[in-house]
Amino acid sequence: MNPLVPLFVVLLFPIGAICTLLFTDTGIEPALFWAAVKTFAILFAVAGGISFAASRLAERSHG
């Protein structure tokens, strides 16, 4: 299993709470909420790519 999966699950709870707060708060601009969602998606994709590349490099070095 990818080592980022448990980390992602643990981080998903506070990030979900923050996004819920941003979405339900009337004083927050809706663009800020969507910017937070897009930023999280981009960072998740980058972290997944790095993790995948690192696992392939480790697999190749072992044999």
Protein backbone atom coordinates (compact mmCIF):
# COMPACT_ATOMS: atom_id res chain seq x y z
CA MET A 1 0.00 0.00 0.00
CA ASN A 2 1.15 3.50 -0.77
CA PRO A 3 2.40 5.22 2.42
CA LEU A 4 0.53 8.39 1.51
CA VAL A 5 -2.88 6.71 1.81
CA PRO A 6 -3.06 6.73 5.64
CA LEU A 7 -1.62 10.24 5.69
CA PHE A 8 -4.24 11.39 3.19
CA VAL A 9 -7.03 9.88 5.29
CA VAL A 10 -5.76 11.62 8.44
CA LEU A 11 -5.41 14.96 6.65
CA LEU A 12 -8.80 14.66 4.97
CA PHE A 13 -10.72 15.23 8.21
CA PRO A 14 -9.34 18.69 9.13
CA ILE A 15 -9.29 19.76 5.49
CA GLY A 16 -12.93 18.68 5.16
CA ALA A 17 -13.81 20.63 8.31
CA ILE A 18 -12.08 23.75 7.01
CA CYS A 19 -13.81 23.45 3.63
CA THR A 20 -17.16 22.97 5.37
CA LEU A 21 -16.54 26.08 7.46
CA LEU A 22 -15.53 28.09 4.41
CA PHE A 23 -18.57 26.88 2.47
CA THR A 24 -21.14 27.55 5.20
CA ASP A 25 -19.78 30.87 6.51
CA THR A 26 -21.70 33.74 4.93
CA GLY A 27 -18.81 36.18 5.36
CA ILE A 28 -16.47 34.12 3.20
CA GLU A 29 -16.27 34.82 -0.49
CA PRO A 30 -17.30 31.74 -2.55
CA ALA A 31 -14.19 32.21 -4.69
CA LEU A 32 -12.06 31.57 -1.60
CA PHE A 33 -13.74 28.23 -1.06
CA TRP A 34 -13.19 27.14 -4.65
CA ALA A 35 -9.57 28.34 -4.51
CA ALA A 36 -9.03 26.17 -1.41
CA VAL A 37 -10.55 23.15 -3.17
CA LYS A 38 -8.44 23.68 -6.30
CA THR A 39 -5.27 24.16 -4.25
CA PHE A 40 -5.92 20.93 -2.33
CA ALA A 41 -6.56 19.02 -5.56
CA ILE A 42 -3.35 20.32 -7.16
CA LEU A 43 -1.24 19.55 -4.08
CA PHE A 44 -2.78 16.07 -3.83
CA ALA A 45 -1.93 15.37 -7.47
CA VAL A 46 1.65 16.59 -7.02
CA ALA A 47 2.12 14.54 -3.83
CA GLY A 48 0.68 11.47 -5.53
CA GLY A 49 3.04 11.90 -8.48
CA ILE A 50 6.05 12.29 -6.22
CA SER A 51 5.03 9.26 -4.17
CA PHE A 52 4.52 7.18 -7.31
CA ALA A 53 7.90 8.23 -8.72
CA ALA A 54 9.63 7.49 -5.42
CA SER A 55 8.06 4.04 -5.20
CA ARG A 56 9.16 3.23 -8.76
CA LEU A 57 12.71 4.40 -8.03
CA ALA A 58 12.82 2.33 -4.83
CA GLU A 59 11.47 -0.71 -6.66
CA ARG A 60 14.07 -0.33 -9.40
CA SER A 61 16.95 0.04 -6.92
CA HIS A 62 15.93 -3.14 -5.08
CA GLY A 63 16.12 -5.21 -8.04
